[in-house]
Amino acid sequence: MSKQTDELVDEIDEIRERLASTVDELVVAVHPRSIAKRTLASVKARFVDENGAVRTEVVLPIVGGVAAVVVGAVVIRRIVR
């Protein structure tokens, strides 16, 4: 084989390896367990800071909203009875 042919074969082999690596990365990225881990990490990051402390500026409004809905449901239920 000529030098040019050897270079082309080497280039094709490199491209094949890169494509195989990319396909492997895609398979991992779209696996349901990987998606669930990323989603859990995203949700956890929203409510807990890097040190593991609860982000009160995010949690308190949610707790307040839930409490308001519960109190509202109880009040409406007592009025209806």
Protein backbone atom coordinates (compact mmCIF):
# COMPACT_ATOMS: atom_id res chain seq x y z
CA MET A 1 0.00 0.00 0.00
CA SER A 2 1.08 3.49 -0.61
CA LYS A 3 1.74 6.02 2.12
CA GLN A 4 -1.41 7.94 1.20
CA THR A 5 -3.53 4.79 1.53
CA ASP A 6 -2.02 4.07 4.94
CA GLU A 7 -2.81 7.60 6.05
CA LEU A 8 -6.41 7.24 4.87
CA VAL A 9 -6.78 3.94 6.70
CA ASP A 10 -5.37 5.51 9.87
CA GLU A 11 -7.72 8.48 9.53
CA ILE A 12 -10.72 6.19 9.01
CA ASP A 13 -9.73 4.17 12.10
CA GLU A 14 -9.48 7.36 14.18
CA ILE A 15 -12.87 8.55 12.95
CA ARG A 16 -14.40 5.15 13.71
CA GLU A 17 -13.03 5.26 17.26
CA ARG A 18 -14.38 8.80 17.81
CA LEU A 19 -17.79 7.78 16.48
CA ALA A 20 -17.86 4.68 18.70
CA SER A 21 -17.00 6.83 21.69
CA THR A 22 -19.71 9.35 20.78
CA VAL A 23 -22.29 6.58 20.37
CA ASP A 24 -21.31 5.15 23.77
CA GLU A 25 -21.72 8.58 25.37
CA LEU A 26 -25.15 8.97 23.75
CA VAL A 27 -26.26 5.57 24.99
CA VAL A 28 -25.27 6.51 28.54
CA ALA A 29 -26.90 9.93 28.24
CA VAL A 30 -30.29 8.60 27.13
CA HIS A 31 -30.40 5.64 29.53
CA PRO A 32 -33.40 6.05 31.88
CA ARG A 33 -31.24 5.62 34.98
CA SER A 34 -28.88 8.39 33.80
CA ILE A 35 -31.82 10.69 33.08
CA ALA A 36 -33.26 9.98 36.54
CA LYS A 37 -29.92 10.69 38.23
CA ARG A 38 -29.52 13.99 36.37
CA THR A 39 -33.08 15.02 37.20
CA LEU A 40 -32.66 14.12 40.87
CA ALA A 41 -29.39 16.05 41.02
CA SER A 42 -31.08 19.06 39.42
CA VAL A 43 -33.99 19.01 41.86
CA LYS A 44 -31.68 18.47 44.83
CA ALA A 45 -29.47 21.37 43.71
CA ARG A 46 -32.53 23.61 43.70
CA PHE A 47 -33.41 22.85 47.33
CA VAL A 48 -30.00 22.09 48.88
CA ASP A 49 -26.79 24.12 48.53
CA GLU A 50 -23.26 22.76 47.96
CA ASN A 51 -22.70 22.33 51.72
CA GLY A 52 -25.86 20.26 52.19
CA ALA A 53 -27.82 23.03 53.89
CA VAL A 54 -31.45 23.57 52.94
CA ARG A 55 -32.06 26.65 50.78
CA THR A 56 -34.69 28.35 52.91
CA GLU A 57 -35.29 31.06 50.31
CA VAL A 58 -36.65 28.34 48.03
CA VAL A 59 -38.23 25.94 50.53
CA LEU A 60 -40.14 28.43 52.69
CA PRO A 61 -42.32 29.85 49.90
CA ILE A 62 -43.23 26.32 48.79
CA VAL A 63 -44.09 25.25 52.34
CA GLY A 64 -46.11 28.43 52.76
CA GLY A 65 -47.99 27.78 49.55
CA VAL A 66 -48.80 24.21 50.51
CA ALA A 67 -49.94 25.34 53.97
CA ALA A 68 -52.17 28.01 52.40
CA VAL A 69 -53.78 25.44 50.10
CA VAL A 70 -54.40 23.03 53.00
CA VAL A 71 -55.86 25.78 55.20
CA GLY A 72 -58.00 26.98 52.30
CA ALA A 73 -59.31 23.46 51.66
CA VAL A 74 -60.15 23.02 55.36
CA VAL A 75 -61.93 26.38 55.53
CA ILE A 76 -63.93 25.70 52.36
CA ARG A 77 -64.86 22.23 53.62
CA ARG A 78 -66.15 23.66 56.93
CA ILE A 79 -68.12 26.35 55.15
CA VAL A 80 -69.75 23.82 52.82
CA ARG A 81 -70.83 21.53 55.69
